Amino acid sequence: MKKFFVIWASGSLAETKEFYDENEMLECVRKHHEMYDRLPLVYYGEKLQFEPAEVIKSWKIKDEPR
């Protein structure tokens, strides 16, 4: 399901807030602008979950035929 993600930054801390409703997201952006006099980052889309990938433990030079 698609939703809005607002990156709410205050000082050196950042927080991600998720919204399904556009009106609630706009109210959050308005409050952020009132408090910090700047607009937060807003993304629209799906939050993806990733599985850990295989870790390469070592590299070896490939033998070239002569």
N, C-alpha and C. Protein backbone atom coordinates (compact mmCIF):
# COMPACT_ATOMS: atom_id res chain seq x y z
N MET A 1 0.84 -1.18 0.00
CA MET A 1 0.00 0.00 0.00
C MET A 1 0.89 1.24 0.00
N LYS A 2 0.56 2.20 -0.82
CA LYS A 2 1.31 3.45 -0.92
C LYS A 2 0.99 4.35 0.27
N LYS A 3 2.01 5.08 0.73
CA LYS A 3 1.79 6.03 1.81
C LYS A 3 2.83 7.12 1.75
N PHE A 4 2.62 8.16 2.55
CA PHE A 4 3.53 9.30 2.61
C PHE A 4 4.52 9.09 3.75
N PHE A 5 5.76 9.50 3.52
CA PHE A 5 6.80 9.45 4.55
C PHE A 5 7.33 10.87 4.74
N VAL A 6 7.23 11.39 5.95
CA VAL A 6 7.72 12.72 6.27
C VAL A 6 8.98 12.56 7.10
N ILE A 7 10.09 13.16 6.63
CA ILE A 7 11.34 13.13 7.38
C ILE A 7 11.34 14.40 8.23
N TRP A 8 11.15 14.22 9.53
CA TRP A 8 11.00 15.31 10.48
C TRP A 8 12.33 15.49 11.18
N ALA A 9 13.05 16.55 10.85
CA ALA A 9 14.38 16.79 11.43
C ALA A 9 14.32 17.95 12.41
N SER A 10 14.90 17.74 13.59
CA SER A 10 15.01 18.81 14.58
C SER A 10 16.42 18.75 15.16
N GLY A 11 17.24 19.73 14.78
CA GLY A 11 18.62 19.71 15.22
C GLY A 11 19.38 18.58 14.55
N SER A 12 20.05 17.77 15.34
CA SER A 12 20.82 16.65 14.77
C SER A 12 20.01 15.35 14.74
N LEU A 13 18.76 15.38 15.21
CA LEU A 13 17.91 14.18 15.23
C LEU A 13 16.94 14.20 14.05
N ALA A 14 16.63 13.03 13.53
CA ALA A 14 15.65 12.92 12.45
C ALA A 14 14.71 11.77 12.77
N GLU A 15 13.48 11.94 12.37
CA GLU A 15 12.45 10.94 12.64
C GLU A 15 11.61 10.78 11.38
N THR A 16 11.20 9.57 11.07
CA THR A 16 10.33 9.32 9.92
C THR A 16 8.92 9.06 10.42
N LYS A 17 7.97 9.81 9.89
CA LYS A 17 6.57 9.61 10.24
C LYS A 17 5.86 9.10 8.99
N GLU A 18 4.96 8.13 9.16
CA GLU A 18 4.25 7.51 8.04
C GLU A 18 2.78 7.92 8.08
N PHE A 19 2.23 8.23 6.90
CA PHE A 19 0.83 8.63 6.80
C PHE A 19 0.18 7.94 5.61
N TYR A 20 -1.04 7.46 5.81
CA TYR A 20 -1.85 6.93 4.71
C TYR A 20 -2.76 8.03 4.17
N ASP A 21 -3.10 9.00 5.02
CA ASP A 21 -4.03 10.06 4.67
C ASP A 21 -3.27 11.33 4.29
N GLU A 22 -3.56 11.88 3.13
CA GLU A 22 -2.87 13.08 2.65
C GLU A 22 -3.13 14.28 3.56
N ASN A 23 -4.33 14.42 4.07
CA ASN A 23 -4.66 15.56 4.93
C ASN A 23 -3.88 15.53 6.24
N GLU A 24 -3.71 14.35 6.83
CA GLU A 24 -2.91 14.23 8.05
C GLU A 24 -1.45 14.58 7.77
N MET A 25 -0.95 14.15 6.62
CA MET A 25 0.43 14.47 6.25
C MET A 25 0.61 15.97 6.08
N LEU A 26 -0.33 16.63 5.42
CA LEU A 26 -0.24 18.08 5.23
C LEU A 26 -0.29 18.82 6.56
N GLU A 27 -1.08 18.35 7.50
CA GLU A 27 -1.13 18.97 8.83
C GLU A 27 0.21 18.83 9.54
N CYS A 28 0.85 17.69 9.40
CA CYS A 28 2.17 17.46 9.99
C CYS A 28 3.21 18.42 9.38
N VAL A 29 3.16 18.58 8.06
CA VAL A 29 4.08 19.49 7.37
C VAL A 29 3.85 20.92 7.84
N ARG A 30 2.58 21.31 8.00
CA ARG A 30 2.25 22.67 8.47
C ARG A 30 2.82 22.91 9.86
N LYS A 31 2.66 21.94 10.76
CA LYS A 31 3.18 22.08 12.13
C LYS A 31 4.70 22.17 12.13
N HIS A 32 5.34 21.35 11.31
CA HIS A 32 6.81 21.38 11.21
C HIS A 32 7.27 22.76 10.74
N HIS A 33 6.58 23.31 9.74
CA HIS A 33 6.95 24.63 9.21
C HIS A 33 6.77 25.71 10.26
N GLU A 34 5.71 25.64 11.05
CA GLU A 34 5.49 26.62 12.12
C GLU A 34 6.59 26.56 13.18
N MET A 35 7.01 25.33 13.53
CA MET A 35 8.00 25.16 14.60
C MET A 35 9.42 25.51 14.16
N TYR A 36 9.80 25.15 12.92
CA TYR A 36 11.20 25.28 12.50
C TYR A 36 11.42 26.26 11.35
N ASP A 37 10.34 26.85 10.82
CA ASP A 37 10.41 27.81 9.72
C ASP A 37 11.10 27.22 8.48
N ARG A 38 10.93 25.93 8.26
CA ARG A 38 11.39 25.26 7.04
C ARG A 38 10.50 24.05 6.80
N LEU A 39 10.49 23.58 5.57
CA LEU A 39 9.65 22.44 5.23
C LEU A 39 10.42 21.13 5.40
N PRO A 40 9.75 20.09 5.87
CA PRO A 40 10.41 18.78 5.98
C PRO A 40 10.45 18.10 4.61
N LEU A 41 11.23 17.03 4.51
CA LEU A 41 11.23 16.21 3.30
C LEU A 41 10.00 15.31 3.31
N VAL A 42 9.34 15.19 2.17
CA VAL A 42 8.17 14.33 2.06
C VAL A 42 8.37 13.39 0.87
N TYR A 43 8.20 12.09 1.12
CA TYR A 43 8.30 11.08 0.07
C TYR A 43 6.96 10.37 -0.03
N TYR A 44 6.64 9.92 -1.24
CA TYR A 44 5.42 9.16 -1.45
C TYR A 44 5.80 7.85 -2.11
N GLY A 45 5.38 6.76 -1.55
CA GLY A 45 5.68 5.47 -2.16
C GLY A 45 5.49 4.34 -1.18
N GLU A 46 6.16 3.24 -1.45
CA GLU A 46 6.08 2.07 -0.60
C GLU A 46 7.40 1.90 0.14
N LYS A 47 7.34 1.57 1.40
CA LYS A 47 8.52 1.28 2.17
C LYS A 47 8.89 -0.17 1.91
N LEU A 48 10.10 -0.40 1.45
CA LEU A 48 10.53 -1.75 1.09
C LEU A 48 11.33 -2.36 2.23
N GLN A 49 11.16 -3.65 2.41
CA GLN A 49 11.94 -4.40 3.39
C GLN A 49 12.96 -5.23 2.62
N PHE A 50 14.19 -5.23 3.07
CA PHE A 50 15.25 -5.97 2.40
C PHE A 50 15.74 -7.10 3.27
N GLU A 51 16.13 -8.18 2.62
CA GLU A 51 16.74 -9.30 3.32
C GLU A 51 18.25 -9.12 3.24
N PRO A 52 18.97 -9.64 4.22
CA PRO A 52 20.43 -9.54 4.16
C PRO A 52 20.96 -10.27 2.93
N ALA A 53 21.93 -9.65 2.29
CA ALA A 53 22.55 -10.26 1.11
C ALA A 53 23.73 -11.12 1.53
N GLU A 54 24.15 -11.98 0.64
CA GLU A 54 25.32 -12.81 0.91
C GLU A 54 26.55 -11.91 1.00
N VAL A 55 27.36 -12.13 1.99
CA VAL A 55 28.56 -11.32 2.19
C VAL A 55 29.75 -12.03 1.55
N ILE A 56 30.52 -11.29 0.76
CA ILE A 56 31.72 -11.86 0.15
C ILE A 56 32.83 -11.81 1.18
N LYS A 57 33.38 -12.97 1.51
CA LYS A 57 34.37 -13.03 2.58
C LYS A 57 35.78 -12.74 2.07
N SER A 58 36.09 -13.08 0.82
CA SER A 58 37.41 -12.79 0.28
C SER A 58 37.36 -12.76 -1.23
N TRP A 59 38.33 -12.09 -1.81
CA TRP A 59 38.45 -12.01 -3.26
C TRP A 59 39.72 -12.73 -3.67
N LYS A 60 39.68 -13.31 -4.83
CA LYS A 60 40.83 -14.03 -5.34
C LYS A 60 41.03 -13.62 -6.80
N ILE A 61 42.29 -13.43 -7.20
CA ILE A 61 42.57 -13.05 -8.58
C ILE A 61 42.29 -14.25 -9.48
N LYS A 62 41.58 -13.98 -10.54
CA LYS A 62 41.21 -15.04 -11.48
C LYS A 62 42.44 -15.42 -12.31
N ASP A 63 42.69 -16.71 -12.43
CA ASP A 63 43.79 -17.18 -13.26
C ASP A 63 43.42 -17.00 -14.72
N GLU A 64 44.33 -16.36 -15.47
CA GLU A 64 44.10 -16.15 -16.90
C GLU A 64 44.83 -17.20 -17.69
N PRO A 65 44.21 -17.78 -18.72
CA PRO A 65 44.92 -18.77 -19.56
C PRO A 65 46.02 -18.07 -20.35
N ARG A 66 47.15 -18.73 -20.50
CA ARG A 66 48.28 -18.14 -21.23
C ARG A 66 48.47 -18.76 -22.57
